[in-house]
N, C-alpha and C. Protein backbone atom coordinates (compact mmCIF):
# COMPACT_ATOMS: atom_id res chain seq x y z
N MET A 1 98.36 103.78 102.88
CA MET A 1 97.83 103.68 104.22
C MET A 1 98.91 103.96 105.24
N SER A 2 100.13 103.49 105.02
CA SER A 2 101.20 103.74 105.97
C SER A 2 101.52 105.23 106.04
N ALA A 3 101.37 105.94 104.92
CA ALA A 3 101.60 107.39 104.94
C ALA A 3 100.54 108.05 105.80
N GLN A 4 99.30 107.59 105.72
CA GLN A 4 98.25 108.14 106.56
C GLN A 4 98.53 107.88 108.03
N LEU A 5 98.97 106.67 108.34
CA LEU A 5 99.26 106.34 109.73
C LEU A 5 100.41 107.20 110.24
N PHE A 6 101.42 107.42 109.40
CA PHE A 6 102.55 108.26 109.81
C PHE A 6 102.09 109.68 110.04
N LEU A 7 101.27 110.20 109.13
CA LEU A 7 100.76 111.55 109.28
C LEU A 7 99.93 111.70 110.54
N THR A 8 99.07 110.73 110.77
CA THR A 8 98.20 110.85 111.93
C THR A 8 98.98 110.66 113.23
N SER A 9 99.97 109.77 113.24
CA SER A 9 100.73 109.61 114.47
C SER A 9 101.56 110.85 114.76
N ARG A 10 102.09 111.49 113.70
CA ARG A 10 102.84 112.73 113.89
C ARG A 10 101.91 113.82 114.40
N PHE A 11 100.70 113.87 113.85
CA PHE A 11 99.71 114.83 114.33
C PHE A 11 99.40 114.58 115.79
N TYR A 12 99.15 113.34 116.13
CA TYR A 12 98.79 113.00 117.51
C TYR A 12 99.90 113.39 118.46
N GLN A 13 101.14 113.09 118.11
CA GLN A 13 102.27 113.41 118.98
C GLN A 13 102.42 114.92 119.14
N SER A 14 102.29 115.66 118.05
CA SER A 14 102.46 117.11 118.15
C SER A 14 101.29 117.75 118.86
N PHE A 15 100.11 117.19 118.71
CA PHE A 15 98.92 117.78 119.32
C PHE A 15 98.92 117.61 120.83
N TRP A 16 99.37 116.46 121.30
CA TRP A 16 99.31 116.16 122.72
C TRP A 16 100.63 116.32 123.44
N SER A 17 101.68 116.70 122.76
CA SER A 17 102.96 116.86 123.44
C SER A 17 102.92 118.09 124.33
N GLU A 18 103.80 118.10 125.30
CA GLU A 18 103.83 119.22 126.23
C GLU A 18 104.33 120.49 125.55
N GLN A 19 105.21 120.34 124.58
CA GLN A 19 105.71 121.48 123.82
C GLN A 19 105.30 121.29 122.37
N PRO A 20 104.21 121.93 121.96
CA PRO A 20 103.72 121.73 120.58
C PRO A 20 104.79 122.08 119.55
N THR A 21 104.79 121.33 118.45
CA THR A 21 105.79 121.53 117.40
C THR A 21 105.23 122.32 116.23
N TRP A 22 104.01 122.80 116.31
CA TRP A 22 103.42 123.53 115.20
C TRP A 22 103.46 125.04 115.46
N THR A 23 103.27 125.78 114.41
CA THR A 23 103.18 127.23 114.54
C THR A 23 101.71 127.60 114.59
N THR A 24 101.44 128.88 114.78
CA THR A 24 100.05 129.29 114.88
C THR A 24 99.51 129.83 113.57
N GLY A 25 100.26 129.68 112.48
CA GLY A 25 99.81 130.18 111.18
C GLY A 25 98.68 129.36 110.62
N PRO A 26 98.00 129.89 109.60
CA PRO A 26 96.86 129.18 109.01
C PRO A 26 97.26 127.87 108.34
N THR A 27 98.49 127.77 107.84
CA THR A 27 98.92 126.53 107.19
C THR A 27 98.95 125.40 108.19
N SER A 28 99.43 125.66 109.38
CA SER A 28 99.51 124.59 110.37
C SER A 28 98.12 124.16 110.83
N VAL A 29 97.19 125.08 110.88
CA VAL A 29 95.82 124.71 111.26
C VAL A 29 95.23 123.78 110.21
N TRP A 30 95.42 124.10 108.94
CA TRP A 30 94.92 123.22 107.87
C TRP A 30 95.62 121.88 107.90
N ALA A 31 96.92 121.88 108.18
CA ALA A 31 97.66 120.60 108.24
C ALA A 31 97.12 119.74 109.37
N ARG A 32 96.81 120.35 110.50
CA ARG A 32 96.25 119.59 111.62
C ARG A 32 94.86 119.07 111.29
N LEU A 33 94.06 119.86 110.60
CA LEU A 33 92.73 119.40 110.22
C LEU A 33 92.79 118.25 109.22
N ILE A 34 93.72 118.34 108.29
CA ILE A 34 93.90 117.25 107.32
C ILE A 34 94.36 115.99 108.02
N ALA A 35 95.28 116.14 108.97
CA ALA A 35 95.75 114.98 109.73
C ALA A 35 94.62 114.38 110.56
N LEU A 36 93.79 115.22 111.14
CA LEU A 36 92.66 114.73 111.91
C LEU A 36 91.68 113.97 111.01
N ARG A 37 91.47 114.48 109.81
CA ARG A 37 90.59 113.79 108.85
C ARG A 37 91.17 112.42 108.50
N GLY A 38 92.49 112.34 108.33
CA GLY A 38 93.13 111.06 108.06
C GLY A 38 92.99 110.09 109.21
N LEU A 39 93.10 110.60 110.43
CA LEU A 39 92.95 109.76 111.61
C LEU A 39 91.53 109.19 111.69
N VAL A 40 90.54 110.01 111.45
CA VAL A 40 89.16 109.55 111.47
C VAL A 40 88.93 108.52 110.36
N ALA A 41 89.54 108.71 109.22
CA ALA A 41 89.40 107.75 108.12
C ALA A 41 89.98 106.39 108.51
N VAL A 42 91.12 106.40 109.17
CA VAL A 42 91.73 105.14 109.61
C VAL A 42 90.83 104.46 110.63
N TRP A 43 90.27 105.23 111.55
CA TRP A 43 89.37 104.65 112.54
C TRP A 43 88.13 104.05 111.89
N ARG A 44 87.60 104.73 110.87
CA ARG A 44 86.42 104.20 110.17
C ARG A 44 86.74 102.90 109.45
N GLU A 45 87.93 102.83 108.85
CA GLU A 45 88.35 101.59 108.18
C GLU A 45 88.42 100.44 109.17
N ARG A 46 89.00 100.70 110.34
CA ARG A 46 89.09 99.65 111.35
C ARG A 46 87.71 99.21 111.82
N MET A 47 86.81 100.15 112.04
CA MET A 47 85.45 99.81 112.47
C MET A 47 84.76 98.96 111.41
N TYR A 48 84.90 99.35 110.14
CA TYR A 48 84.27 98.60 109.06
C TYR A 48 84.84 97.18 108.98
N TYR A 49 86.16 97.08 109.08
CA TYR A 49 86.82 95.77 109.02
C TYR A 49 86.33 94.88 110.15
N ARG A 50 86.24 95.42 111.34
CA ARG A 50 85.81 94.61 112.49
C ARG A 50 84.33 94.26 112.41
N GLU A 51 83.52 95.14 111.85
CA GLU A 51 82.11 94.80 111.64
C GLU A 51 81.97 93.66 110.64
N GLU A 52 82.78 93.69 109.60
CA GLU A 52 82.75 92.61 108.61
C GLU A 52 83.22 91.29 109.23
N LEU A 53 84.25 91.34 110.06
CA LEU A 53 84.69 90.13 110.75
C LEU A 53 83.60 89.58 111.65
N LYS A 54 82.91 90.46 112.34
CA LYS A 54 81.82 90.03 113.22
C LYS A 54 80.72 89.36 112.41
N ARG A 55 80.39 89.95 111.26
CA ARG A 55 79.36 89.37 110.41
C ARG A 55 79.78 87.99 109.90
N LEU A 56 81.05 87.87 109.50
CA LEU A 56 81.54 86.57 109.02
C LEU A 56 81.53 85.53 110.14
N ALA A 57 81.88 85.96 111.35
CA ALA A 57 81.88 85.03 112.48
C ALA A 57 80.47 84.56 112.81
N GLN A 58 79.50 85.44 112.65
CA GLN A 58 78.12 85.06 112.93
C GLN A 58 77.55 84.16 111.85
N ASP A 59 78.00 84.33 110.60
CA ASP A 59 77.50 83.50 109.50
C ASP A 59 77.97 82.06 109.62
N GLY A 60 79.16 81.86 110.15
CA GLY A 60 79.66 80.50 110.33
C GLY A 60 81.17 80.46 110.31
N PRO A 61 81.72 79.49 111.00
CA PRO A 61 83.18 79.38 111.08
C PRO A 61 83.84 79.03 109.74
N GLN A 62 83.11 78.40 108.84
CA GLN A 62 83.70 78.07 107.54
C GLN A 62 84.04 79.33 106.75
N ARG A 63 83.27 80.40 106.96
CA ARG A 63 83.55 81.67 106.26
C ARG A 63 84.85 82.28 106.77
N ILE A 64 85.12 82.12 108.05
CA ILE A 64 86.37 82.65 108.62
C ILE A 64 87.55 81.84 108.11
N ASP A 65 87.36 80.55 107.97
CA ASP A 65 88.44 79.71 107.42
C ASP A 65 88.76 80.11 105.99
N ASP A 66 87.74 80.51 105.23
CA ASP A 66 87.97 80.94 103.85
C ASP A 66 88.84 82.19 103.78
N VAL A 67 88.70 83.05 104.75
CA VAL A 67 89.50 84.28 104.80
C VAL A 67 90.93 83.97 105.22
N GLY A 68 91.13 82.87 105.95
CA GLY A 68 92.46 82.49 106.38
C GLY A 68 92.77 82.88 107.81
N LEU A 69 91.72 83.08 108.60
CA LEU A 69 91.90 83.44 110.01
C LEU A 69 91.37 82.32 110.89
N THR A 70 91.79 82.34 112.13
CA THR A 70 91.25 81.41 113.10
C THR A 70 90.17 82.11 113.91
N LEU A 71 89.34 81.34 114.55
CA LEU A 71 88.28 81.92 115.37
C LEU A 71 88.87 82.71 116.54
N ALA A 72 89.98 82.23 117.09
CA ALA A 72 90.63 82.94 118.20
C ALA A 72 91.17 84.29 117.73
N ALA A 73 91.72 84.34 116.53
CA ALA A 73 92.24 85.61 116.00
C ALA A 73 91.11 86.60 115.76
N VAL A 74 89.98 86.10 115.29
CA VAL A 74 88.82 86.98 115.05
C VAL A 74 88.28 87.50 116.38
N GLU A 75 88.19 86.64 117.38
CA GLU A 75 87.70 87.07 118.69
C GLU A 75 88.64 88.12 119.29
N ALA A 76 89.94 87.94 119.14
CA ALA A 76 90.91 88.92 119.65
C ALA A 76 90.76 90.25 118.93
N GLU A 77 90.53 90.21 117.63
CA GLU A 77 90.37 91.43 116.85
C GLU A 77 89.07 92.15 117.22
N LEU A 78 88.03 91.41 117.48
CA LEU A 78 86.74 92.03 117.83
C LEU A 78 86.75 92.66 119.21
N GLN A 79 87.66 92.24 120.08
CA GLN A 79 87.74 92.81 121.41
C GLN A 79 88.44 94.16 121.45
N LYS A 80 89.15 94.50 120.39
CA LYS A 80 89.91 95.75 120.36
C LYS A 80 88.99 96.94 120.09
N PRO A 81 89.28 98.07 120.73
CA PRO A 81 88.54 99.29 120.38
C PRO A 81 88.99 99.81 119.00
N PHE A 82 88.21 100.68 118.41
CA PHE A 82 88.49 101.12 117.04
C PHE A 82 89.80 101.87 116.89
N TRP A 83 90.29 102.47 117.96
CA TRP A 83 91.54 103.24 117.83
C TRP A 83 92.77 102.38 118.02
N GLN A 84 92.62 101.15 118.42
CA GLN A 84 93.77 100.28 118.65
C GLN A 84 94.08 99.47 117.40
N VAL A 85 95.34 99.35 117.11
CA VAL A 85 95.79 98.60 115.93
C VAL A 85 95.71 97.11 116.18
């Protein structure tokens, strides 16, 4: 997962930087598409995780205690958008 995050952050920095670091060859286009796919995968994981936390919070606070989180930590996590860590 950390390799995916590194790849996607490098993609994001190169994509939005004022001076792009990629070439215009077909290899770089595929590399950017693969990095974008990794970024979307990370976002989907975060959305799924937060949906599961929301479901656990709605089922009851004892379920959150079983996971080892506090209600305040769950509320803070649920307030974050999917792209935020």
